[in-house]
Amino acid sequence: MSPAPRAAATLTSALLLLVAPAARAQAPGAAPAAAPSAAPADAAPARSYAGAVLAVDAVSLGIIAAAVSARASEGSAMLTATGITGLVVGAPIVHLTRGNTRGALISLGLRVGLPYAGAMAGYQLGPTDVVCATDGDGCSSGSMSGMVVGALVGTGAAILIDARWLSHTRPARPARWSPTATLAPGGGSVGLAGAF
């Protein structure tokens, strides 16, 4: 076989090997399958940073656990306040550092609103364990244990919603066009470059 037909045979074999895996059998008389639609070029996948949000929450919960284990010792109130502050503003700060202002505002609203709503619901629905010293005005019956459980459930819901649905960003889309300018000793040029 001369070199030209050998090269043609090699090229044809290579093309068949590249194309063959994409070929699919089809039943006689069946309509060809539609090609899968490709995602638009400008739809970049979302990047999650839920791990960072959960890490901040874990540290905050650890600080609160340390405060609870210290009970009434010196500094336990400060540890509790630090842990609660971390739970409320830690994740919104992470959102802001990732450029997700909307996520930060929603996160802050969830982290204040859901624990409060849970605490109020728990206070009203839990077993009555508030004892008043007198029958005077200003003493209402409710459930302190229900309030704590409700606040914990609300906090857990806020953490879950935040990590699952708010902790992601889409990368900035590249510009489709951009101005250009070039200076040279004898003049210059101005123009537009882009992908259309």
Protein backbone atom coordinates (compact mmCIF):
# COMPACT_ATOMS: atom_id res chain seq x y z
CA MET A 1 0.00 0.00 0.00
CA SER A 2 1.43 3.39 -0.95
CA PRO A 3 1.80 6.19 1.65
CA ALA A 4 -1.24 8.24 0.48
CA PRO A 5 -3.84 5.43 0.79
CA ARG A 6 -2.26 4.30 4.05
CA ALA A 7 -2.62 7.84 5.50
CA ALA A 8 -6.23 8.01 4.28
CA ALA A 9 -7.02 4.63 5.86
CA THR A 10 -5.40 5.68 9.15
CA LEU A 11 -7.31 8.98 9.17
CA THR A 12 -10.59 7.20 8.38
CA SER A 13 -10.00 4.66 11.15
CA ALA A 14 -9.21 7.42 13.64
CA LEU A 15 -12.38 9.32 12.72
CA LEU A 16 -14.47 6.16 13.09
CA LEU A 17 -13.01 5.51 16.52
CA LEU A 18 -13.85 9.06 17.59
CA VAL A 19 -17.37 9.03 16.17
CA ALA A 20 -18.38 5.43 16.96
CA PRO A 21 -18.98 5.90 20.72
CA ALA A 22 -21.45 8.67 19.94
CA ALA A 23 -23.46 6.49 17.53
CA ARG A 24 -26.57 4.87 18.96
CA ALA A 25 -28.76 2.13 17.59
CA GLN A 26 -32.32 3.02 16.85
CA ALA A 27 -35.31 0.79 16.25
CA PRO A 28 -36.49 0.63 12.64
CA GLY A 29 -39.10 3.28 11.98
CA ALA A 30 -38.42 5.12 15.25
CA ALA A 31 -37.91 8.85 15.20
CA PRO A 32 -34.40 10.03 15.99
CA ALA A 33 -33.88 11.03 19.59
CA ALA A 34 -33.65 14.72 20.27
CA ALA A 35 -30.21 15.97 21.14
CA PRO A 36 -29.87 16.94 24.79
CA SER A 37 -30.20 20.66 25.20
CA ALA A 38 -27.05 22.31 26.40
CA ALA A 39 -27.17 24.82 29.20
CA PRO A 40 -26.70 28.39 28.04
CA ALA A 41 -23.07 29.43 27.93
CA ASP A 42 -23.69 32.27 30.36
CA ALA A 43 -25.34 30.06 33.01
CA ALA A 44 -22.37 29.30 35.22
CA PRO A 45 -22.90 26.72 37.96
CA ALA A 46 -23.51 28.01 41.44
CA ARG A 47 -20.65 27.72 43.93
CA SER A 48 -21.61 26.68 47.44
CA TYR A 49 -19.94 27.99 50.58
CA ALA A 50 -22.28 26.19 52.98
CA GLY A 51 -19.24 24.65 54.66
CA ALA A 52 -18.03 28.07 55.78
CA VAL A 53 -21.48 28.99 57.11
CA LEU A 54 -21.77 25.68 58.98
CA ALA A 55 -18.25 26.09 60.40
CA VAL A 56 -19.14 29.51 61.84
CA ASP A 57 -22.33 28.05 63.31
CA ALA A 58 -20.43 25.08 64.79
CA VAL A 59 -17.92 27.40 66.49
CA SER A 60 -20.77 29.54 67.86
CA LEU A 61 -22.63 26.50 69.17
CA GLY A 62 -19.38 25.23 70.72
CA ILE A 63 -18.95 28.53 72.55
CA ILE A 64 -22.52 28.30 73.85
CA ALA A 65 -21.93 24.69 74.96
CA ALA A 66 -18.79 25.79 76.82
CA ALA A 67 -20.80 28.52 78.54
CA VAL A 68 -23.53 26.08 79.55
CA SER A 69 -20.98 23.65 80.97
CA ALA A 70 -19.34 26.51 82.93
CA ARG A 71 -22.77 27.33 84.41
CA ALA A 72 -22.61 30.29 86.77
CA SER A 73 -18.84 30.67 86.83
CA GLU A 74 -17.12 33.88 85.85
CA GLY A 75 -17.30 34.55 82.16
CA SER A 76 -20.14 32.16 81.34
CA ALA A 77 -22.50 35.05 80.61
CA MET A 78 -19.89 36.59 78.30
CA LEU A 79 -19.37 33.24 76.54
CA THR A 80 -23.12 32.84 76.07
CA ALA A 81 -23.43 36.34 74.61
CA THR A 82 -20.47 35.70 72.30
CA GLY A 83 -21.96 32.42 71.06
CA ILE A 84 -25.39 33.91 70.45
CA THR A 85 -23.85 36.89 68.66
CA GLY A 86 -21.90 34.46 66.47
CA LEU A 87 -25.08 32.56 65.62
CA VAL A 88 -26.92 35.75 64.69
CA VAL A 89 -24.27 37.68 62.73
CA GLY A 90 -21.59 35.08 61.86
CA ALA A 91 -23.28 33.61 58.78
CA PRO A 92 -24.42 37.02 57.43
CA ILE A 93 -20.80 38.15 57.65
CA VAL A 94 -19.75 35.07 55.64
CA HIS A 95 -22.41 35.96 53.04
CA LEU A 96 -21.07 39.51 52.83
CA THR A 97 -17.48 38.32 52.35
CA ARG A 98 -18.71 36.22 49.41
CA GLY A 99 -20.50 39.21 47.84
CA ASN A 100 -23.98 37.87 48.62
CA THR A 101 -25.69 40.90 50.18
CA ARG A 102 -29.18 39.53 49.59
CA GLY A 103 -28.24 36.25 51.28
CA ALA A 104 -26.77 38.19 54.23
CA LEU A 105 -29.98 40.15 54.78
CA ILE A 106 -32.21 37.08 54.49
CA SER A 107 -29.88 35.12 56.78
CA LEU A 108 -29.98 37.85 59.42
CA GLY A 109 -33.78 37.94 59.24
CA LEU A 110 -34.01 34.16 59.59
CA ARG A 111 -31.53 34.03 62.47
CA VAL A 112 -33.45 36.66 64.43
CA GLY A 113 -37.01 35.81 63.39
CA LEU A 114 -37.16 32.01 63.51
CA PRO A 115 -35.65 31.57 67.01
CA TYR A 116 -37.91 34.36 68.31
CA ALA A 117 -41.02 32.85 66.70
CA GLY A 118 -40.07 29.40 67.98
CA ALA A 119 -39.50 30.73 71.49
CA MET A 120 -42.87 32.51 71.56
CA ALA A 121 -44.68 29.45 70.20
CA GLY A 122 -42.91 27.20 72.71
CA TYR A 123 -43.78 29.55 75.58
CA GLN A 124 -47.48 29.44 74.68
CA LEU A 125 -47.72 25.75 73.71
CA GLY A 126 -45.38 24.09 76.20
CA PRO A 127 -46.32 22.81 79.66
CA THR A 128 -46.94 25.59 82.16
CA ASP A 129 -43.89 25.81 84.39
CA VAL A 130 -43.84 29.53 85.25
CA VAL A 131 -44.81 30.03 88.88
CA CYS A 132 -45.85 33.48 90.06
CA ALA A 133 -45.02 34.56 93.60
CA THR A 134 -48.23 36.57 93.88
CA ASP A 135 -51.46 36.83 92.00
CA GLY A 136 -50.60 40.37 90.94
CA ASP A 137 -50.68 41.83 87.50
CA GLY A 138 -47.80 41.22 85.12
CA CYS A 139 -47.43 37.51 85.81
CA SER A 140 -48.51 35.35 82.92
CA SER A 141 -48.49 31.60 82.77
CA GLY A 142 -46.32 29.96 80.16
CA SER A 143 -43.57 27.47 79.58
CA MET A 144 -39.91 28.39 79.99
CA SER A 145 -38.84 24.92 78.89
CA GLY A 146 -41.10 25.21 75.84
CA MET A 147 -39.56 28.59 75.09
CA VAL A 148 -36.04 27.10 75.14
CA VAL A 149 -37.06 24.16 72.94
CA GLY A 150 -38.86 26.49 70.52
CA ALA A 151 -35.83 28.77 70.27
CA LEU A 152 -33.58 25.76 69.59
CA VAL A 153 -35.92 24.47 66.87
CA GLY A 154 -36.08 27.94 65.29
CA THR A 155 -32.28 28.25 65.40
CA GLY A 156 -31.87 24.83 63.80
CA ALA A 157 -34.34 25.74 61.06
CA ALA A 158 -32.51 29.01 60.37
CA ILE A 159 -29.15 27.20 60.14
CA LEU A 160 -30.60 24.55 57.81
CA ILE A 161 -32.32 27.04 55.49
CA ASP A 162 -29.24 29.25 55.42
CA ALA A 163 -26.81 26.45 54.56
CA ARG A 164 -29.09 24.76 52.03
CA TRP A 165 -30.65 27.62 50.11
CA LEU A 166 -28.75 30.84 50.77
CA SER A 167 -25.07 29.83 50.81
CA HIS A 168 -24.21 29.90 47.14
CA THR A 169 -23.07 32.39 44.55
CA ARG A 170 -22.96 32.40 40.80
CA PRO A 171 -19.65 33.46 39.30
CA ALA A 172 -19.71 36.74 37.43
CA ARG A 173 -20.40 36.29 33.74
CA PRO A 174 -17.56 37.35 31.49
CA ALA A 175 -18.22 40.42 29.41
CA ARG A 176 -19.44 39.68 25.90
CA TRP A 177 -17.59 42.66 24.55
CA SER A 178 -14.86 44.98 25.70
CA PRO A 179 -13.32 48.18 24.40
CA THR A 180 -9.77 48.15 23.08
CA ALA A 181 -7.27 50.93 22.56
CA THR A 182 -3.74 50.70 21.20
CA LEU A 183 -1.14 53.43 20.98
CA ALA A 184 1.72 53.26 18.49
CA PRO A 185 4.47 55.75 17.54
CA GLY A 186 2.66 56.72 14.33
CA GLY A 187 -0.90 56.75 15.69
CA GLY A 188 -3.24 54.34 17.42
CA SER A 189 -6.47 52.42 17.14
CA VAL A 190 -9.71 52.17 19.04
CA GLY A 191 -12.18 49.33 18.71
CA LEU A 192 -14.42 46.71 20.26
CA ALA A 193 -13.63 43.06 20.78
CA GLY A 194 -16.18 40.48 21.71
CA ALA A 195 -17.83 37.13 21.25
CA PHE A 196 -21.09 37.15 19.37
